[in-house]
Amino acid sequence: MVSPDHPLAGKSSVSLEELTAYNAILSGSATFTRQIAAQQFSHPELRLKTAMSTNYLDTIRMMVTIGLGWSLLPDTMINKDLSVLNVDAPPVSRQLGYISHKERTLSKAAQRFIEMLEANSGT
């Protein structure tokens, strides 16, 4: 995603090479999302230019909105202040899961939440 006035905002598609010309605002280097992004730019001719890192998605969105760079954000964070780029690369996605303690009883709310996760997991 980029701000609507970013030079890449009006393009029908963008290559990874084009993205390397601009600053990226990404989550911290220890996060799974950052590792996924780094994998996309792992080819020797691609050099990811990370201007800033933070683990706060709202901060990343604000920085992108004011034009400090491009970023990867969840679809749920898309608003009128952002332009979604059509990047010529495999889509970035990740699997989510949950952990529970086998020797503890889950609350009814937790049980229902897990049921909802499993029903919508597509597996």
PDB file of N, CA and C in Angstrom:
ATOM      1  N   MET A   1       0.827  -1.163   0.000  1.00  0.00           N
ATOM      2  CA  MET A   1       0.000   0.000   0.000  1.00  0.00           C
ATOM      3  C   MET A   1       0.881   1.239   0.000  1.00  0.00           C
ATOM      4  N   VAL A   2       0.334   2.296  -0.572  1.00  0.00           N
ATOM      5  CA  VAL A   2       1.007   3.588  -0.605  1.00  0.00           C
ATOM      6  C   VAL A   2      -0.038   4.676  -0.383  1.00  0.00           C
ATOM      7  N   SER A   3       0.428   5.895  -0.187  1.00  0.00           N
ATOM      8  CA  SER A   3      -0.506   7.013  -0.107  1.00  0.00           C
ATOM      9  C   SER A   3      -1.029   7.297  -1.513  1.00  0.00           C
ATOM     10  N   PRO A   4      -2.213   7.885  -1.635  1.00  0.00           N
ATOM     11  CA  PRO A   4      -2.774   8.154  -2.966  1.00  0.00           C
ATOM     12  C   PRO A   4      -1.908   9.077  -3.831  1.00  0.00           C
ATOM     13  N   ASP A   5      -1.051   9.896  -3.231  1.00  0.00           N
ATOM     14  CA  ASP A   5      -0.209  10.786  -4.031  1.00  0.00           C
ATOM     15  C   ASP A   5       1.206  10.230  -4.266  1.00  0.00           C
ATOM     16  N   HIS A   6       1.435   8.990  -3.897  1.00  0.00           N
ATOM     17  CA  HIS A   6       2.729   8.332  -4.136  1.00  0.00           C
ATOM     18  C   HIS A   6       2.900   8.119  -5.643  1.00  0.00           C
ATOM     19  N   PRO A   7       4.113   8.220  -6.167  1.00  0.00           N
ATOM     20  CA  PRO A   7       4.343   8.026  -7.603  1.00  0.00           C
ATOM     21  C   PRO A   7       3.859   6.676  -8.150  1.00  0.00           C
ATOM     22  N   LEU A   8       3.804   5.641  -7.317  1.00  0.00           N
ATOM     23  CA  LEU A   8       3.358   4.323  -7.786  1.00  0.00           C
ATOM     24  C   LEU A   8       1.843   4.129  -7.698  1.00  0.00           C
ATOM     25  N   ALA A   9       1.145   5.038  -7.046  1.00  0.00           N
ATOM     26  CA  ALA A   9      -0.282   4.850  -6.757  1.00  0.00           C
ATOM     27  C   ALA A   9      -1.144   4.687  -7.997  1.00  0.00           C
ATOM     28  N   GLY A  10      -0.854   5.358  -9.074  1.00  0.00           N
ATOM     29  CA  GLY A  10      -1.701   5.299 -10.254  1.00  0.00           C
ATOM     30  C   GLY A  10      -1.371   4.191 -11.233  1.00  0.00           C
ATOM     31  N   LYS A  11      -0.349   3.416 -10.968  1.00  0.00           N
ATOM     32  CA  LYS A  11       0.083   2.388 -11.913  1.00  0.00           C
ATOM     33  C   LYS A  11      -0.830   1.160 -11.854  1.00  0.00           C
ATOM     34  N   SER A  12      -1.041   0.541 -13.007  1.00  0.00           N
ATOM     35  CA  SER A  12      -1.884  -0.656 -13.045  1.00  0.00           C
ATOM     36  C   SER A  12      -1.194  -1.858 -12.407  1.00  0.00           C
ATOM     37  N   SER A  13       0.133  -1.906 -12.482  1.00  0.00           N
ATOM     38  CA  SER A  13       0.895  -2.942 -11.787  1.00  0.00           C
ATOM     39  C   SER A  13       2.299  -2.402 -11.500  1.00  0.00           C
ATOM     40  N   VAL A  14       2.899  -2.996 -10.462  1.00  0.00           N
ATOM     41  CA  VAL A  14       4.209  -2.553  -9.990  1.00  0.00           C
ATOM     42  C   VAL A  14       5.092  -3.786  -9.812  1.00  0.00           C
ATOM     43  N   SER A  15       6.338  -3.684 -10.233  1.00  0.00           N
ATOM     44  CA  SER A  15       7.272  -4.794 -10.041  1.00  0.00           C
ATOM     45  C   SER A  15       7.989  -4.632  -8.706  1.00  0.00           C
ATOM     46  N   LEU A  16       8.573  -5.727  -8.227  1.00  0.00           N
ATOM     47  CA  LEU A  16       9.377  -5.656  -7.010  1.00  0.00           C
ATOM     48  C   LEU A  16      10.562  -4.717  -7.225  1.00  0.00           C
ATOM     49  N   GLU A  17      11.118  -4.735  -8.420  1.00  0.00           N
ATOM     50  CA  GLU A  17      12.244  -3.852  -8.726  1.00  0.00           C
ATOM     51  C   GLU A  17      11.838  -2.387  -8.587  1.00  0.00           C
ATOM     52  N   GLU A  18      10.635  -2.032  -9.034  1.00  0.00           N
ATOM     53  CA  GLU A  18      10.163  -0.652  -8.874  1.00  0.00           C
ATOM     54  C   GLU A  18      10.007  -0.292  -7.398  1.00  0.00           C
ATOM     55  N   LEU A  19       9.555  -1.225  -6.590  1.00  0.00           N
ATOM     56  CA  LEU A  19       9.389  -0.956  -5.159  1.00  0.00           C
ATOM     57  C   LEU A  19      10.722  -0.657  -4.487  1.00  0.00           C
ATOM     58  N   THR A  20      11.802  -1.263  -4.965  1.00  0.00           N
ATOM     59  CA  THR A  20      13.110  -1.049  -4.331  1.00  0.00           C
ATOM     60  C   THR A  20      13.613   0.384  -4.483  1.00  0.00           C
ATOM     61  N   ALA A  21      13.016   1.150  -5.365  1.00  0.00           N
ATOM     62  CA  ALA A  21      13.415   2.548  -5.539  1.00  0.00           C
ATOM     63  C   ALA A  21      12.817   3.450  -4.460  1.00  0.00           C
ATOM     64  N   TYR A  22      11.901   2.907  -3.668  1.00  0.00           N
ATOM     65  CA  TYR A  22      11.196   3.703  -2.665  1.00  0.00           C
ATOM     66  C   TYR A  22      11.383   3.100  -1.276  1.00  0.00           C
ATOM     67  N   ASN A  23      11.272   3.947  -0.272  1.00  0.00           N
ATOM     68  CA  ASN A  23      11.386   3.501   1.115  1.00  0.00           C
ATOM     69  C   ASN A  23      10.220   2.606   1.504  1.00  0.00           C
ATOM     70  N   ALA A  24      10.519   1.614   2.299  1.00  0.00           N
ATOM     71  CA  ALA A  24       9.502   0.719   2.862  1.00  0.00           C
ATOM     72  C   ALA A  24       9.357   1.020   4.350  1.00  0.00           C
ATOM     73  N   ILE A  25       8.148   0.929   4.842  1.00  0.00           N
ATOM     74  CA  ILE A  25       7.849   1.036   6.270  1.00  0.00           C
ATOM     75  C   ILE A  25       7.322  -0.342   6.666  1.00  0.00           C
ATOM     76  N   LEU A  26       8.104  -1.104   7.414  1.00  0.00           N
ATOM     77  CA  LEU A  26       7.742  -2.489   7.696  1.00  0.00           C
ATOM     78  C   LEU A  26       7.756  -2.780   9.192  1.00  0.00           C
ATOM     79  N   SER A  27       7.164  -3.904   9.535  1.00  0.00           N
ATOM     80  CA  SER A  27       7.204  -4.344  10.928  1.00  0.00           C
ATOM     81  C   SER A  27       8.633  -4.757  11.285  1.00  0.00           C
ATOM     82  N   GLY A  28       8.898  -4.943  12.573  1.00  0.00           N
ATOM     83  CA  GLY A  28      10.231  -5.258  13.061  1.00  0.00           C
ATOM     84  C   GLY A  28      10.839  -6.480  12.405  1.00  0.00           C
ATOM     85  N   SER A  29      12.160  -6.536  12.379  1.00  0.00           N
ATOM     86  CA  SER A  29      12.876  -7.603  11.675  1.00  0.00           C
ATOM     87  C   SER A  29      12.629  -8.991  12.259  1.00  0.00           C
ATOM     88  N   ALA A  30      12.180  -9.080  13.493  1.00  0.00           N
ATOM     89  CA  ALA A  30      11.933 -10.382  14.111  1.00  0.00           C
ATOM     90  C   ALA A  30      10.519 -10.900  13.843  1.00  0.00           C
ATOM     91  N   THR A  31       9.698 -10.130  13.141  1.00  0.00           N
ATOM     92  CA  THR A  31       8.314 -10.551  12.901  1.00  0.00           C
ATOM     93  C   THR A  31       8.214 -11.442  11.672  1.00  0.00           C
ATOM     94  N   PHE A  32       7.205 -12.278  11.672  1.00  0.00           N
ATOM     95  CA  PHE A  32       6.971 -13.190  10.552  1.00  0.00           C
ATOM     96  C   PHE A  32       6.635 -12.405   9.283  1.00  0.00           C
ATOM     97  N   THR A  33       5.866 -11.331   9.418  1.00  0.00           N
ATOM     98  CA  THR A  33       5.500 -10.524   8.255  1.00  0.00           C
ATOM     99  C   THR A  33       6.737  -9.927   7.600  1.00  0.00           C
ATOM    100  N   ARG A  34       7.659  -9.442   8.384  1.00  0.00           N
ATOM    101  CA  ARG A  34       8.894  -8.870   7.842  1.00  0.00           C
ATOM    102  C   ARG A  34       9.707  -9.945   7.140  1.00  0.00           C
ATOM    103  N   GLN A  35       9.757 -11.141   7.707  1.00  0.00           N
ATOM    104  CA  GLN A  35      10.491 -12.233   7.081  1.00  0.00           C
ATOM    105  C   GLN A  35       9.877 -12.610   5.736  1.00  0.00           C
ATOM    106  N   ILE A  36       8.559 -12.584   5.646  1.00  0.00           N
ATOM    107  CA  ILE A  36       7.880 -12.866   4.373  1.00  0.00           C
ATOM    108  C   ILE A  36       8.253 -11.801   3.344  1.00  0.00           C
ATOM    109  N   ALA A  37       8.239 -10.540   3.765  1.00  0.00           N
ATOM    110  CA  ALA A  37       8.607  -9.447   2.856  1.00  0.00           C
ATOM    111  C   ALA A  37      10.051  -9.604   2.391  1.00  0.00           C
ATOM    112  N   ALA A  38      10.934  -9.912   3.306  1.00  0.00           N
ATOM    113  CA  ALA A  38      12.349 -10.079   2.961  1.00  0.00           C
ATOM    114  C   ALA A  38      12.539 -11.214   1.955  1.00  0.00           C
ATOM    115  N   GLN A  39      11.754 -12.278   2.081  1.00  0.00           N
ATOM    116  CA  GLN A  39      11.850 -13.395   1.131  1.00  0.00           C
ATOM    117  C   GLN A  39      11.490 -12.944  -0.277  1.00  0.00           C
ATOM    118  N   GLN A  40      10.503 -12.059  -0.389  1.00  0.00           N
ATOM    119  CA  GLN A  40      10.097 -11.563  -1.710  1.00  0.00           C
ATOM    120  C   GLN A  40      11.250 -10.823  -2.398  1.00  0.00           C
ATOM    121  N   PHE A  41      12.103 -10.178  -1.602  1.00  0.00           N
ATOM    122  CA  PHE A  41      13.204  -9.377  -2.134  1.00  0.00           C
ATOM    123  C   PHE A  41      14.554 -10.077  -1.978  1.00  0.00           C
ATOM    124  N   SER A  42      14.547 -11.404  -1.924  1.00  0.00           N
ATOM    125  CA  SER A  42      15.780 -12.151  -1.658  1.00  0.00           C
ATOM    126  C   SER A  42      16.682 -12.318  -2.877  1.00  0.00           C
ATOM    127  N   HIS A  43      16.228 -11.941  -4.050  1.00  0.00           N
ATOM    128  CA  HIS A  43      17.073 -12.046  -5.241  1.00  0.00           C
ATOM    129  C   HIS A  43      18.193 -11.019  -5.168  1.00  0.00           C
ATOM    130  N   PRO A  44      19.392 -11.373  -5.653  1.00  0.00           N
ATOM    131  CA  PRO A  44      20.552 -10.471  -5.542  1.00  0.00           C
ATOM    132  C   PRO A  44      20.319  -9.089  -6.154  1.00  0.00           C
ATOM    133  N   GLU A  45      19.531  -9.003  -7.216  1.00  0.00           N
ATOM    134  CA  GLU A  45      19.325  -7.708  -7.879  1.00  0.00           C
ATOM    135  C   GLU A  45      18.292  -6.827  -7.167  1.00  0.00           C
ATOM    136  N   LEU A  46      17.631  -7.369  -6.160  1.00  0.00           N
ATOM    137  CA  LEU A  46      16.623  -6.602  -5.417  1.00  0.00           C
ATOM    138  C   LEU A  46      17.169  -6.228  -4.043  1.00  0.00           C
ATOM    139  N   ARG A  47      17.127  -4.962  -3.721  1.00  0.00           N
ATOM    140  CA  ARG A  47      17.595  -4.507  -2.409  1.00  0.00           C
ATOM    141  C   ARG A  47      16.455  -3.748  -1.740  1.00  0.00           C
ATOM    142  N   LEU A  48      15.895  -4.355  -0.725  1.00  0.00           N
ATOM    143  CA  LEU A  48      14.800  -3.754   0.030  1.00  0.00           C
ATOM    144  C   LEU A  48      15.322  -2.566   0.824  1.00  0.00           C
ATOM    145  N   LYS A  49      14.707  -1.408   0.627  1.00  0.00           N
ATOM    146  CA  LYS A  49      15.145  -0.176   1.290  1.00  0.00           C
ATOM    147  C   LYS A  49      14.146   0.148   2.414  1.00  0.00           C
ATOM    148  N   THR A  50      14.452  -0.327   3.624  1.00  0.00           N
ATOM    149  CA  THR A  50      13.563  -0.117   4.763  1.00  0.00           C
ATOM    150  C   THR A  50      13.938   1.171   5.471  1.00  0.00           C
ATOM    151  N   ALA A  51      13.025   2.130   5.463  1.00  0.00           N
ATOM    152  CA  ALA A  51      13.271   3.430   6.077  1.00  0.00           C
ATOM    153  C   ALA A  51      12.988   3.400   7.572  1.00  0.00           C
ATOM    154  N   MET A  52      11.944   2.672   7.960  1.00  0.00           N
ATOM    155  CA  MET A  52      11.543   2.619   9.362  1.00  0.00           C
ATOM    156  C   MET A  52      10.923   1.266   9.657  1.00  0.00           C
ATOM    157  N   SER A  53      10.997   0.892  10.933  1.00  0.00           N
ATOM    158  CA  SER A  53      10.378  -0.347  11.396  1.00  0.00           C
ATOM    159  C   SER A  53       9.630  -0.072  12.691  1.00  0.00           C
ATOM    160  N   THR A  54       8.458  -0.636  12.793  1.00  0.00           N
ATOM    161  CA  THR A  54       7.677  -0.578  14.022  1.00  0.00           C
ATOM    162  C   THR A  54       6.726  -1.770  14.021  1.00  0.00           C
ATOM    163  N   ASN A  55       6.347  -2.217  15.188  1.00  0.00           N
ATOM    164  CA  ASN A  55       5.409  -3.333  15.279  1.00  0.00           C
ATOM    165  C   ASN A  55       3.978  -2.869  15.468  1.00  0.00           C
ATOM    166  N   TYR A  56       3.736  -1.574  15.379  1.00  0.00           N
ATOM    167  CA  TYR A  56       2.388  -1.025  15.543  1.00  0.00           C
ATOM    168  C   TYR A  56       1.793  -0.745  14.171  1.00  0.00           C
ATOM    169  N   LEU A  57       0.798  -1.541  13.788  1.00  0.00           N
ATOM    170  CA  LEU A  57       0.213  -1.426  12.455  1.00  0.00           C
ATOM    171  C   LEU A  57      -0.410  -0.063  12.211  1.00  0.00           C
ATOM    172  N   ASP A  58      -1.042   0.524  13.222  1.00  0.00           N
ATOM    173  CA  ASP A  58      -1.625   1.855  13.038  1.00  0.00           C
ATOM    174  C   ASP A  58      -0.544   2.895  12.754  1.00  0.00           C
ATOM    175  N   THR A  59       0.608   2.748  13.355  1.00  0.00           N
ATOM    176  CA  THR A  59       1.720   3.661  13.095  1.00  0.00           C
ATOM    177  C   THR A  59       2.218   3.480  11.669  1.00  0.00           C
ATOM    178  N   ILE A  60       2.327   2.238  11.219  1.00  0.00           N
ATOM    179  CA  ILE A  60       2.742   1.974   9.838  1.00  0.00           C
ATOM    180  C   ILE A  60       1.746   2.603   8.875  1.00  0.00           C
ATOM    181  N   ARG A  61       0.451   2.396   9.128  1.00  0.00           N
ATOM    182  CA  ARG A  61      -0.578   2.962   8.243  1.00  0.00           C
ATOM    183  C   ARG A  61      -0.459   4.486   8.192  1.00  0.00           C
ATOM    184  N   MET A  62      -0.277   5.133   9.338  1.00  0.00           N
ATOM    185  CA  MET A  62      -0.153   6.585   9.385  1.00  0.00           C
ATOM    186  C   MET A  62       1.069   7.052   8.590  1.00  0.00           C
ATOM    187  N   MET A  63       2.198   6.355   8.750  1.00  0.00           N
ATOM    188  CA  MET A  63       3.415   6.736   8.032  1.00  0.00           C
ATOM    189  C   MET A  63       3.229   6.600   6.523  1.00  0.00           C
ATOM    190  N   VAL A  64       2.556   5.539   6.101  1.00  0.00           N
ATOM    191  CA  VAL A  64       2.291   5.343   4.674  1.00  0.00           C
ATOM    192  C   VAL A  64       1.322   6.420   4.185  1.00  0.00           C
ATOM    193  N   THR A  65       0.305   6.716   4.962  1.00  0.00           N
ATOM    194  CA  THR A  65      -0.696   7.715   4.590  1.00  0.00           C
ATOM    195  C   THR A  65      -0.069   9.082   4.339  1.00  0.00           C
ATOM    196  N   ILE A  66       0.929   9.448   5.133  1.00  0.00           N
ATOM    197  CA  ILE A  66       1.557  10.767   4.943  1.00  0.00           C
ATOM    198  C   ILE A  66       2.710  10.724   3.930  1.00  0.00           C
ATOM    199  N   GLY A  67       2.904   9.571   3.292  1.00  0.00           N
ATOM    200  CA  GLY A  67       3.838   9.489   2.179  1.00  0.00           C
ATOM    201  C   GLY A  67       5.272   9.142   2.510  1.00  0.00           C
ATOM    202  N   LEU A  68       5.521   8.553   3.683  1.00  0.00           N
ATOM    203  CA  LEU A  68       6.895   8.217   4.048  1.00  0.00           C
ATOM    204  C   LEU A  68       7.409   6.943   3.391  1.00  0.00           C
ATOM    205  N   GLY A  69       6.534   6.184   2.745  1.00  0.00           N
ATOM    206  CA  GLY A  69       6.969   4.962   2.078  1.00  0.00           C
ATOM    207  C   GLY A  69       5.800   4.046   1.788  1.00  0.00           C
ATOM    208  N   TRP A  70       6.114   2.862   1.314  1.00  0.00           N
ATOM    209  CA  TRP A  70       5.102   1.835   1.051  1.00  0.00           C
ATOM    210  C   TRP A  70       5.184   0.783   2.142  1.00  0.00           C
ATOM    211  N   SER A  71       4.145  -0.041   2.246  1.00  0.00           N
ATOM    212  CA  SER A  71       4.157  -1.090   3.256  1.00  0.00           C
ATOM    213  C   SER A  71       3.224  -2.231   2.894  1.00  0.00           C
ATOM    214  N   LEU A  72       3.332  -3.285   3.687  1.00  0.00           N
ATOM    215  CA  LEU A  72       2.398  -4.406   3.662  1.00  0.00           C
ATOM    216  C   LEU A  72       1.495  -4.232   4.872  1.00  0.00           C
ATOM    217  N   LEU A  73       0.196  -4.234   4.642  1.00  0.00           N
ATOM    218  CA  LEU A  73      -0.763  -4.125   5.736  1.00  0.00           C
ATOM    219  C   LEU A  73      -1.906  -5.098   5.487  1.00  0.00           C
ATOM    220  N   PRO A  74      -2.568  -5.548   6.546  1.00  0.00           N
ATOM    221  CA  PRO A  74      -3.719  -6.432   6.361  1.00  0.00           C
ATOM    222  C   PRO A  74      -4.851  -5.720   5.615  1.00  0.00           C
ATOM    223  N   ASP A  75      -5.632  -6.486   4.882  1.00  0.00           N
ATOM    224  CA  ASP A  75      -6.766  -5.926   4.145  1.00  0.00           C
ATOM    225  C   ASP A  75      -7.710  -5.135   5.051  1.00  0.00           C
ATOM    226  N   THR A  76      -7.809  -5.548   6.294  1.00  0.00           N
ATOM    227  CA  THR A  76      -8.727  -4.874   7.219  1.00  0.00           C
ATOM    228  C   THR A  76      -8.302  -3.448   7.524  1.00  0.00           C
ATOM    229  N   MET A  77      -7.092  -3.068   7.169  1.00  0.00           N
ATOM    230  CA  MET A  77      -6.593  -1.723   7.450  1.00  0.00           C
ATOM    231  C   MET A  77      -6.707  -0.788   6.251  1.00  0.00           C
ATOM    232  N   ILE A  78      -7.228  -1.283   5.141  1.00  0.00           N
ATOM    233  CA  ILE A  78      -7.389  -0.456   3.952  1.00  0.00           C
ATOM    234  C   ILE A  78      -8.448   0.609   4.243  1.00  0.00           C
ATOM    235  N   ASN A  79      -8.130   1.864   3.902  1.00  0.00           N
ATOM    236  CA  ASN A  79      -9.113   2.930   4.007  1.00  0.00           C
ATOM    237  C   ASN A  79      -8.912   3.887   2.837  1.00  0.00           C
ATOM    238  N   LYS A  80      -9.675   4.958   2.811  1.00  0.00           N
ATOM    239  CA  LYS A  80      -9.627   5.891   1.684  1.00  0.00           C
ATOM    240  C   LYS A  80      -8.299   6.633   1.569  1.00  0.00           C
ATOM    241  N   ASP A  81      -7.500   6.604   2.629  1.00  0.00           N
ATOM    242  CA  ASP A  81      -6.213   7.294   2.637  1.00  0.00           C
ATOM    243  C   ASP A  81      -5.072   6.437   2.106  1.00  0.00           C
ATOM    244  N   LEU A  82      -5.371   5.240   1.613  1.00  0.00           N
ATOM    245  CA  LEU A  82      -4.352   4.330   1.105  1.00  0.00           C
ATOM    246  C   LEU A  82      -4.715   3.852  -0.296  1.00  0.00           C
ATOM    247  N   SER A  83      -3.708   3.615  -1.104  1.00  0.00           N
ATOM    248  CA  SER A  83      -3.896   3.004  -2.416  1.00  0.00           C
ATOM    249  C   SER A  83      -3.245   1.629  -2.389  1.00  0.00           C
ATOM    250  N   VAL A  84      -3.976   0.639  -2.813  1.00  0.00           N
ATOM    251  CA  VAL A  84      -3.463  -0.731  -2.849  1.00  0.00           C
ATOM    252  C   VAL A  84      -2.735  -0.931  -4.172  1.00  0.00           C
ATOM    253  N   LEU A  85      -1.517  -1.401  -4.088  1.00  0.00           N
ATOM    254  CA  LEU A  85      -0.711  -1.662  -5.275  1.00  0.00           C
ATOM    255  C   LEU A  85      -0.944  -3.081  -5.779  1.00  0.00           C
ATOM    256  N   ASN A  86      -0.984  -3.233  -7.080  1.00  0.00           N
ATOM    257  CA  ASN A  86      -1.040  -4.542  -7.710  1.00  0.00           C
ATOM    258  C   ASN A  86       0.399  -4.922  -8.056  1.00  0.00           C
ATOM    259  N   VAL A  87       1.018  -5.712  -7.189  1.00  0.00           N
ATOM    260  CA  VAL A  87       2.439  -6.045  -7.331  1.00  0.00           C
ATOM    261  C   VAL A  87       2.595  -7.338  -8.114  1.00  0.00           C
ATOM    262  N   ASP A  88       3.511  -7.315  -9.082  1.00  0.00           N
ATOM    263  CA  ASP A  88       3.802  -8.494  -9.905  1.00  0.00           C
ATOM    264  C   ASP A  88       4.673  -9.468  -9.119  1.00  0.00           C
ATOM    265  N   ALA A  89       4.074 -10.126  -8.153  1.00  0.00           N
ATOM    266  CA  ALA A  89       4.780 -11.088  -7.303  1.00  0.00           C
ATOM    267  C   ALA A  89       3.733 -11.975  -6.644  1.00  0.00           C
ATOM    268  N   PRO A  90       4.155 -13.125  -6.139  1.00  0.00           N
ATOM    269  CA  PRO A  90       3.188 -13.970  -5.429  1.00  0.00           C
ATOM    270  C   PRO A  90       2.568 -13.198  -4.260  1.00  0.00           C
ATOM    271  N   PRO A  91       1.283 -13.409  -4.009  1.00  0.00           N
ATOM    272  CA  PRO A  91       0.640 -12.686  -2.912  1.00  0.00           C
ATOM    273  C   PRO A  91       1.271 -13.030  -1.560  1.00  0.00           C
ATOM    274  N   VAL A  92       1.304 -12.050  -0.690  1.00  0.00           N
ATOM    275  CA  VAL A  92       1.848 -12.242   0.651  1.00  0.00           C
ATOM    276  C   VAL A  92       0.703 -12.671   1.554  1.00  0.00           C
ATOM    277  N   SER A  93       0.881 -13.800   2.188  1.00  0.00           N
ATOM    278  CA  SER A  93      -0.134 -14.288   3.126  1.00  0.00           C
ATOM    279  C   SER A  93       0.575 -15.102   4.200  1.00  0.00           C
ATOM    280  N   ARG A  94      -0.149 -15.368   5.258  1.00  0.00           N
ATOM    281  CA  ARG A  94       0.428 -16.183   6.325  1.00  0.00           C
ATOM    282  C   ARG A  94      -0.668 -16.949   7.029  1.00  0.00           C
ATOM    283  N   GLN A  95      -0.284 -18.076   7.584  1.00  0.00           N
ATOM    284  CA  GLN A  95      -1.189 -18.919   8.356  1.00  0.00           C
ATOM    285  C   GLN A  95      -1.198 -18.443   9.806  1.00  0.00           C
ATOM    286  N   LEU A  96      -2.356 -18.410  10.388  1.00  0.00           N
ATOM    287  CA  LEU A  96      -2.469 -18.090  11.806  1.00  0.00           C
ATOM    288  C   LEU A  96      -2.920 -19.328  12.556  1.00  0.00           C
ATOM    289  N   GLY A  97      -2.639 -19.390  13.819  1.00  0.00           N
ATOM    290  CA  GLY A  97      -3.034 -20.536  14.634  1.00  0.00           C
ATOM    291  C   GLY A  97      -3.332 -20.102  16.044  1.00  0.00           C
ATOM    292  N   TYR A  98      -3.550 -21.064  16.890  1.00  0.00           N
ATOM    293  CA  TYR A  98      -3.807 -20.767  18.293  1.00  0.00           C
ATOM    294  C   TYR A  98      -3.127 -21.823  19.152  1.00  0.00           C
ATOM    295  N   ILE A  99      -2.881 -21.462  20.391  1.00  0.00           N
ATOM    296  CA  ILE A  99      -2.261 -22.367  21.358  1.00  0.00           C
ATOM    297  C   ILE A  99      -3.166 -22.425  22.574  1.00  0.00           C
ATOM    298  N   SER A 100      -3.346 -23.617  23.096  1.00  0.00           N
ATOM    299  CA  SER A 100      -4.113 -23.750  24.336  1.00  0.00           C
ATOM    300  C   SER A 100      -3.374 -24.704  25.269  1.00  0.00           C
ATOM    301  N   HIS A 101      -3.605 -24.530  26.539  1.00  0.00           N
ATOM    302  CA  HIS A 101      -2.971 -25.352  27.567  1.00  0.00           C
ATOM    303  C   HIS A 101      -3.809 -26.612  27.747  1.00  0.00           C
ATOM    304  N   LYS A 102      -3.222 -27.775  27.535  1.00  0.00           N
ATOM    305  CA  LYS A 102      -3.962 -29.037  27.587  1.00  0.00           C
ATOM    306  C   LYS A 102      -4.496 -29.365  28.979  1.00  0.00           C
ATOM    307  N   GLU A 103      -3.890 -28.786  30.001  1.00  0.00           N
ATOM    308  CA  GLU A 103      -4.315 -29.098  31.366  1.00  0.00           C
ATOM    309  C   GLU A 103      -5.213 -28.012  31.967  1.00  0.00           C
ATOM    310  N   ARG A 104      -5.681 -27.107  31.144  1.00  0.00           N
ATOM    311  CA  ARG A 104      -6.582 -26.048  31.608  1.00  0.00           C
ATOM    312  C   ARG A 104      -7.865 -26.103  30.797  1.00  0.00           C
ATOM    313  N   THR A 105      -8.953 -25.713  31.423  1.00  0.00           N
ATOM    314  CA  THR A 105     -10.246 -25.681  30.751  1.00  0.00           C
ATOM    315  C   THR A 105     -10.433 -24.326  30.074  1.00  0.00           C
ATOM    316  N   LEU A 106     -10.856 -24.371  28.823  1.00  0.00           N
ATOM    317  CA  LEU A 106     -11.123 -23.131  28.101  1.00  0.00           C
ATOM    318  C   LEU A 106     -12.481 -22.574  28.512  1.00  0.00           C
ATOM    319  N   SER A 107     -12.604 -21.269  28.556  1.00  0.00           N
ATOM    320  CA  SER A 107     -13.897 -20.639  28.810  1.00  0.00           C
ATOM    321  C   SER A 107     -14.823 -20.917  27.630  1.00  0.00           C
ATOM    322  N   LYS A 108     -16.105 -20.705  27.822  1.00  0.00           N
ATOM    323  CA  LYS A 108     -17.076 -20.884  26.727  1.00  0.00           C
ATOM    324  C   LYS A 108     -16.738 -19.948  25.570  1.00  0.00           C
ATOM    325  N   ALA A 109     -16.331 -18.718  25.904  1.00  0.00           N
ATOM    326  CA  ALA A 109     -15.977 -17.761  24.862  1.00  0.00           C
ATOM    327  C   ALA A 109     -14.767 -18.258  24.060  1.00  0.00           C
ATOM    328  N   ALA A 110     -13.759 -18.776  24.743  1.00  0.00           N
ATOM    329  CA  ALA A 110     -12.571 -19.289  24.060  1.00  0.00           C
ATOM    330  C   ALA A 110     -12.930 -20.496  23.198  1.00  0.00           C
ATOM    331  N   GLN A 111     -13.785 -21.382  23.718  1.00  0.00           N
ATOM    332  CA  GLN A 111     -14.215 -22.545  22.933  1.00  0.00           C
ATOM    333  C   GLN A 111     -14.942 -22.103  21.661  1.00  0.00           C
ATOM    334  N   ARG A 112     -15.824 -21.120  21.796  1.00  0.00           N
ATOM    335  CA  ARG A 112     -16.584 -20.621  20.641  1.00  0.00           C
ATOM    336  C   ARG A 112     -15.640 -19.952  19.639  1.00  0.00           C
ATOM    337  N   PHE A 113     -14.669 -19.200  20.142  1.00  0.00           N
ATOM    338  CA  PHE A 113     -13.706 -18.534  19.283  1.00  0.00           C
ATOM    339  C   PHE A 113     -12.922 -19.553  18.461  1.00  0.00           C
ATOM    340  N   ILE A 114     -12.474 -20.623  19.094  1.00  0.00           N
ATOM    341  CA  ILE A 114     -11.738 -21.675  18.388  1.00  0.00           C
ATOM    342  C   ILE A 114     -12.637 -22.353  17.358  1.00  0.00           C
ATOM    343  N   GLU A 115     -13.890 -22.589  17.704  1.00  0.00           N
ATOM    344  CA  GLU A 115     -14.830 -23.165  16.739  1.00  0.00           C
ATOM    345  C   GLU A 115     -14.965 -22.268  15.509  1.00  0.00           C
ATOM    346  N   MET A 116     -15.047 -20.962  15.738  1.00  0.00           N
ATOM    347  CA  MET A 116     -15.157 -20.019  14.619  1.00  0.00           C
ATOM    348  C   MET A 116     -13.890 -20.027  13.769  1.00  0.00           C
ATOM    349  N   LEU A 117     -12.731 -20.071  14.416  1.00  0.00           N
ATOM    350  CA  LEU A 117     -11.478 -20.118  13.668  1.00  0.00           C
ATOM    351  C   LEU A 117     -11.414 -21.359  12.790  1.00  0.00           C
ATOM    352  N   GLU A 118     -11.760 -22.495  13.380  1.00  0.00           N
ATOM    353  CA  GLU A 118     -11.691 -23.749  12.627  1.00  0.00           C
ATOM    354  C   GLU A 118     -12.715 -23.793  11.497  1.00  0.00           C
ATOM    355  N   ALA A 119     -13.899 -23.228  11.726  1.00  0.00           N
ATOM    356  CA  ALA A 119     -14.930 -23.221  10.698  1.00  0.00           C
ATOM    357  C   ALA A 119     -14.540 -22.345   9.512  1.00  0.00           C
ATOM    358  N   ASN A 120     -13.732 -21.319   9.756  1.00  0.00           N
ATOM    359  CA  ASN A 120     -13.356 -20.384   8.695  1.00  0.00           C
ATOM    360  C   ASN A 120     -11.938 -20.577   8.190  1.00  0.00           C
ATOM    361  N   SER A 121     -11.272 -21.652   8.618  1.00  0.00           N
ATOM    362  CA  SER A 121      -9.876 -21.833   8.246  1.00  0.00           C
ATOM    363  C   SER A 121      -9.693 -22.322   6.808  1.00  0.00           C
ATOM    364  N   GLY A 122     -10.720 -22.888   6.238  1.00  0.00           N
ATOM    365  CA  GLY A 122     -10.588 -23.386   4.878  1.00  0.00           C
ATOM    366  C   GLY A 122      -9.837 -24.698   4.782  1.00  0.00           C
ATOM    367  N   THR A 123      -9.588 -25.342   5.923  1.00  0.00           N
ATOM    368  CA  THR A 123      -8.875 -26.620   5.885  1.00  0.00           C
ATOM    369  C   THR A 123      -9.828 -27.767   6.063  1.00  0.00           C
TER     370      THR A 123
END
